[in-house]
């Protein structure tokens, strides 16, 4: 609900699968990526959020250099914008 800083850790495999986790910086809640895939610079995955509400997010982002932008489809809440930059 509102802007929340997160850290995203991604691991890619040669077969196009993507794994990792997304951690909320404020409350340290970590969510594993599910059904992660990549195709070129487009990444997709699903997250099961349980706090503050229980919801499934379907994430799609595009990577351009050290930046990523995209959205998370949040069911009845609509699409939530996502943007980030590489830290390491």
N, C-alpha and C. Protein backbone atom coordinates (compact mmCIF):
# COMPACT_ATOMS: atom_id res chain seq x y z
N UNK A 1 0.85 -1.15 0.00
CA UNK A 1 0.00 0.00 0.00
C UNK A 1 0.91 1.22 0.00
N UNK A 2 1.16 1.73 -1.18
CA UNK A 2 2.10 2.82 -1.32
C UNK A 2 3.47 2.30 -1.70
N UNK A 3 4.42 3.20 -1.81
CA UNK A 3 5.77 2.81 -2.20
C UNK A 3 6.44 2.02 -1.09
N UNK A 4 7.06 0.93 -1.46
CA UNK A 4 7.78 0.07 -0.53
C UNK A 4 9.11 -0.31 -1.17
N UNK A 5 10.24 0.00 -0.53
CA UNK A 5 11.53 -0.41 -1.10
C UNK A 5 11.75 -1.91 -0.91
N UNK A 6 12.26 -2.55 -1.96
CA UNK A 6 12.56 -3.98 -1.94
C UNK A 6 13.94 -4.23 -2.52
N UNK A 7 14.53 -5.33 -2.12
CA UNK A 7 15.75 -5.82 -2.74
C UNK A 7 15.39 -7.09 -3.50
N UNK A 8 15.83 -7.17 -4.74
CA UNK A 8 15.53 -8.30 -5.60
C UNK A 8 16.83 -9.02 -5.93
N UNK A 9 16.85 -10.32 -5.67
CA UNK A 9 17.99 -11.15 -6.02
C UNK A 9 17.52 -12.12 -7.09
N UNK A 10 18.23 -12.13 -8.24
CA UNK A 10 17.84 -12.97 -9.36
C UNK A 10 18.96 -13.94 -9.72
N UNK A 11 18.57 -15.15 -10.09
CA UNK A 11 19.50 -16.15 -10.61
C UNK A 11 18.89 -16.72 -11.88
N UNK A 12 19.65 -16.71 -12.95
CA UNK A 12 19.14 -17.23 -14.22
C UNK A 12 19.83 -18.54 -14.56
N UNK A 13 19.12 -19.39 -15.26
CA UNK A 13 19.65 -20.67 -15.72
C UNK A 13 19.62 -20.69 -17.25
N UNK A 14 20.49 -21.49 -17.88
CA UNK A 14 20.54 -21.53 -19.34
C UNK A 14 19.23 -21.93 -20.02
N UNK A 15 18.34 -22.60 -19.28
CA UNK A 15 17.08 -23.05 -19.88
C UNK A 15 15.98 -21.99 -19.87
N UNK A 16 16.31 -20.75 -19.46
CA UNK A 16 15.33 -19.67 -19.46
C UNK A 16 14.56 -19.53 -18.17
N UNK A 17 14.92 -20.31 -17.15
CA UNK A 17 14.24 -20.17 -15.87
C UNK A 17 14.95 -19.13 -15.01
N UNK A 18 14.19 -18.57 -14.11
CA UNK A 18 14.65 -17.51 -13.24
C UNK A 18 14.25 -17.87 -11.82
N UNK A 19 15.15 -17.71 -10.87
CA UNK A 19 14.83 -17.95 -9.47
C UNK A 19 15.38 -16.79 -8.65
N UNK A 20 15.02 -16.76 -7.40
CA UNK A 20 15.51 -15.71 -6.51
C UNK A 20 14.47 -15.36 -5.48
N UNK A 21 14.63 -14.18 -4.90
CA UNK A 21 13.70 -13.72 -3.88
C UNK A 21 13.62 -12.20 -3.89
N UNK A 22 12.51 -11.71 -3.37
CA UNK A 22 12.27 -10.28 -3.25
C UNK A 22 12.05 -10.00 -1.77
N UNK A 23 12.84 -9.09 -1.19
CA UNK A 23 12.79 -8.82 0.24
C UNK A 23 12.36 -7.38 0.49
N UNK A 24 11.35 -7.22 1.33
CA UNK A 24 10.90 -5.90 1.73
C UNK A 24 11.93 -5.32 2.69
N UNK A 25 12.48 -4.17 2.35
CA UNK A 25 13.55 -3.55 3.15
C UNK A 25 13.03 -3.10 4.51
N UNK A 26 11.79 -2.63 4.58
CA UNK A 26 11.24 -2.11 5.84
C UNK A 26 10.98 -3.19 6.88
N UNK A 27 10.40 -4.32 6.45
CA UNK A 27 10.01 -5.33 7.44
C UNK A 27 10.77 -6.66 7.28
N UNK A 28 11.71 -6.71 6.36
CA UNK A 28 12.57 -7.89 6.13
C UNK A 28 11.83 -9.15 5.70
N UNK A 29 10.59 -9.02 5.25
CA UNK A 29 9.85 -10.18 4.76
C UNK A 29 10.38 -10.53 3.38
N UNK A 30 10.76 -11.79 3.21
CA UNK A 30 11.31 -12.26 1.95
C UNK A 30 10.31 -13.19 1.27
N UNK A 31 10.15 -12.99 -0.05
CA UNK A 31 9.22 -13.80 -0.83
C UNK A 31 9.97 -14.46 -1.97
N UNK A 32 9.94 -15.78 -2.07
CA UNK A 32 10.62 -16.44 -3.19
C UNK A 32 9.88 -16.23 -4.50
N UNK A 33 10.64 -16.07 -5.57
CA UNK A 33 10.05 -15.99 -6.90
C UNK A 33 9.52 -17.36 -7.29
N UNK A 34 8.36 -17.38 -7.93
CA UNK A 34 7.77 -18.62 -8.42
C UNK A 34 7.55 -18.48 -9.92
N UNK A 35 7.68 -19.57 -10.62
CA UNK A 35 7.43 -19.62 -12.06
C UNK A 35 8.24 -18.56 -12.82
N UNK A 36 9.47 -18.32 -12.40
CA UNK A 36 10.30 -17.31 -13.02
C UNK A 36 10.81 -17.74 -14.39
N UNK A 37 10.75 -16.80 -15.35
CA UNK A 37 11.23 -17.05 -16.72
C UNK A 37 11.88 -15.78 -17.23
N UNK A 38 12.78 -15.94 -18.18
CA UNK A 38 13.30 -14.79 -18.90
C UNK A 38 13.36 -15.11 -20.38
N UNK A 39 13.14 -14.09 -21.18
CA UNK A 39 13.22 -14.20 -22.62
C UNK A 39 13.86 -12.90 -23.10
N UNK A 40 15.14 -12.97 -23.43
CA UNK A 40 15.87 -11.75 -23.76
C UNK A 40 15.96 -10.88 -22.53
N UNK A 41 15.47 -9.65 -22.65
CA UNK A 41 15.53 -8.74 -21.50
C UNK A 41 14.19 -8.60 -20.77
N UNK A 42 13.25 -9.50 -21.06
CA UNK A 42 11.95 -9.49 -20.39
C UNK A 42 11.94 -10.62 -19.34
N UNK A 43 11.63 -10.24 -18.10
CA UNK A 43 11.60 -11.18 -16.98
C UNK A 43 10.17 -11.26 -16.44
N UNK A 44 9.73 -12.46 -16.11
CA UNK A 44 8.41 -12.65 -15.51
C UNK A 44 8.51 -13.61 -14.33
N UNK A 45 7.69 -13.37 -13.32
CA UNK A 45 7.61 -14.28 -12.19
C UNK A 45 6.33 -13.98 -11.41
N UNK A 46 6.04 -14.85 -10.47
CA UNK A 46 4.88 -14.71 -9.59
C UNK A 46 5.39 -14.62 -8.16
N UNK A 47 4.72 -13.81 -7.34
CA UNK A 47 5.01 -13.69 -5.91
C UNK A 47 3.74 -13.92 -5.11
N UNK A 48 3.87 -14.63 -4.00
CA UNK A 48 2.76 -14.80 -3.07
C UNK A 48 3.00 -13.86 -1.90
N UNK A 49 2.23 -12.79 -1.83
CA UNK A 49 2.34 -11.82 -0.74
C UNK A 49 1.34 -12.21 0.34
N UNK A 50 1.77 -12.17 1.60
CA UNK A 50 0.87 -12.53 2.69
C UNK A 50 0.64 -11.38 3.66
N UNK A 51 1.50 -10.35 3.62
CA UNK A 51 1.38 -9.22 4.54
C UNK A 51 1.53 -7.92 3.76
N UNK A 52 0.74 -6.93 3.88
CA UNK A 52 -0.37 -6.76 4.82
C UNK A 52 -1.66 -7.44 4.38
N UNK A 53 -1.71 -7.89 3.10
CA UNK A 53 -2.86 -8.65 2.63
C UNK A 53 -2.35 -9.86 1.86
N UNK A 54 -3.19 -10.83 1.71
CA UNK A 54 -2.83 -12.03 0.94
C UNK A 54 -3.22 -11.80 -0.52
N UNK A 55 -2.20 -11.84 -1.41
CA UNK A 55 -2.46 -11.58 -2.82
C UNK A 55 -1.35 -12.23 -3.65
N UNK A 56 -1.70 -12.63 -4.86
CA UNK A 56 -0.72 -13.15 -5.80
C UNK A 56 -0.39 -12.05 -6.79
N UNK A 57 0.90 -11.76 -6.95
CA UNK A 57 1.35 -10.75 -7.90
C UNK A 57 1.98 -11.44 -9.10
N UNK A 58 1.61 -11.03 -10.29
CA UNK A 58 2.23 -11.52 -11.51
C UNK A 58 3.08 -10.37 -12.06
N UNK A 59 4.39 -10.57 -12.01
CA UNK A 59 5.34 -9.50 -12.31
C UNK A 59 5.91 -9.67 -13.72
N UNK A 60 6.01 -8.54 -14.43
CA UNK A 60 6.70 -8.51 -15.72
C UNK A 60 7.54 -7.24 -15.76
N UNK A 61 8.84 -7.41 -15.96
CA UNK A 61 9.73 -6.26 -16.06
C UNK A 61 10.63 -6.41 -17.28
N UNK A 62 11.15 -5.27 -17.72
CA UNK A 62 12.11 -5.25 -18.81
C UNK A 62 13.39 -4.66 -18.28
N UNK A 63 14.52 -5.30 -18.60
CA UNK A 63 15.82 -4.83 -18.16
C UNK A 63 16.49 -4.08 -19.30
N UNK A 64 16.96 -2.87 -19.00
CA UNK A 64 17.70 -2.06 -19.94
C UNK A 64 18.97 -1.59 -19.23
N UNK A 65 20.10 -2.23 -19.56
CA UNK A 65 21.34 -1.89 -18.88
C UNK A 65 21.24 -2.23 -17.40
N UNK A 66 21.42 -1.25 -16.55
CA UNK A 66 21.35 -1.45 -15.10
C UNK A 66 20.00 -1.08 -14.50
N UNK A 67 19.00 -0.84 -15.35
CA UNK A 67 17.68 -0.43 -14.88
C UNK A 67 16.62 -1.46 -15.26
N UNK A 68 15.60 -1.57 -14.43
CA UNK A 68 14.45 -2.39 -14.80
C UNK A 68 13.18 -1.61 -14.54
N UNK A 69 12.20 -1.81 -15.40
CA UNK A 69 10.90 -1.18 -15.25
C UNK A 69 9.83 -2.19 -15.66
N UNK A 70 8.68 -2.04 -15.08
CA UNK A 70 7.58 -2.93 -15.43
C UNK A 70 6.42 -2.75 -14.47
N UNK A 71 5.72 -3.84 -14.21
CA UNK A 71 4.56 -3.78 -13.35
C UNK A 71 4.30 -5.13 -12.69
N UNK A 72 3.50 -5.07 -11.65
CA UNK A 72 2.98 -6.27 -11.01
C UNK A 72 1.47 -6.22 -11.12
N UNK A 73 0.88 -7.22 -11.74
CA UNK A 73 -0.58 -7.31 -11.82
C UNK A 73 -1.06 -7.83 -10.47
N UNK A 74 -1.88 -7.01 -9.81
CA UNK A 74 -2.30 -7.31 -8.44
C UNK A 74 -3.80 -7.56 -8.34
N UNK A 75 -4.31 -8.37 -9.24
CA UNK A 75 -5.73 -8.73 -9.19
C UNK A 75 -6.64 -7.52 -9.23
N UNK A 76 -7.55 -7.40 -8.28
CA UNK A 76 -8.51 -6.31 -8.24
C UNK A 76 -7.85 -4.95 -8.01
N UNK A 77 -6.62 -4.94 -7.53
CA UNK A 77 -5.91 -3.68 -7.28
C UNK A 77 -5.31 -3.11 -8.56
N UNK A 78 -5.35 -3.85 -9.64
CA UNK A 78 -4.82 -3.36 -10.90
C UNK A 78 -3.32 -3.59 -11.02
N UNK A 79 -2.68 -2.82 -11.89
CA UNK A 79 -1.24 -2.94 -12.12
C UNK A 79 -0.49 -1.93 -11.27
N UNK A 80 0.53 -2.43 -10.59
CA UNK A 80 1.38 -1.61 -9.74
C UNK A 80 2.72 -1.43 -10.45
N UNK A 81 3.19 -0.18 -10.65
CA UNK A 81 4.45 0.02 -11.35
C UNK A 81 5.64 -0.44 -10.51
N UNK A 82 6.65 -0.96 -11.20
CA UNK A 82 7.89 -1.40 -10.57
C UNK A 82 9.05 -0.75 -11.32
N UNK A 83 10.00 -0.24 -10.56
CA UNK A 83 11.23 0.24 -11.19
C UNK A 83 12.37 0.00 -10.21
N UNK A 84 13.56 -0.22 -10.78
CA UNK A 84 14.70 -0.48 -9.92
C UNK A 84 15.99 -0.32 -10.68
N UNK A 85 17.08 -0.38 -9.94
CA UNK A 85 18.40 -0.29 -10.55
C UNK A 85 19.34 -1.27 -9.88
N UNK A 86 20.32 -1.72 -10.66
CA UNK A 86 21.28 -2.71 -10.17
C UNK A 86 22.13 -2.11 -9.06
N UNK A 87 22.30 -2.89 -8.01
CA UNK A 87 23.09 -2.45 -6.87
C UNK A 87 24.46 -3.11 -6.86
N UNK A 88 24.53 -4.35 -7.29
CA UNK A 88 25.81 -5.07 -7.27
C UNK A 88 26.03 -5.80 -8.58
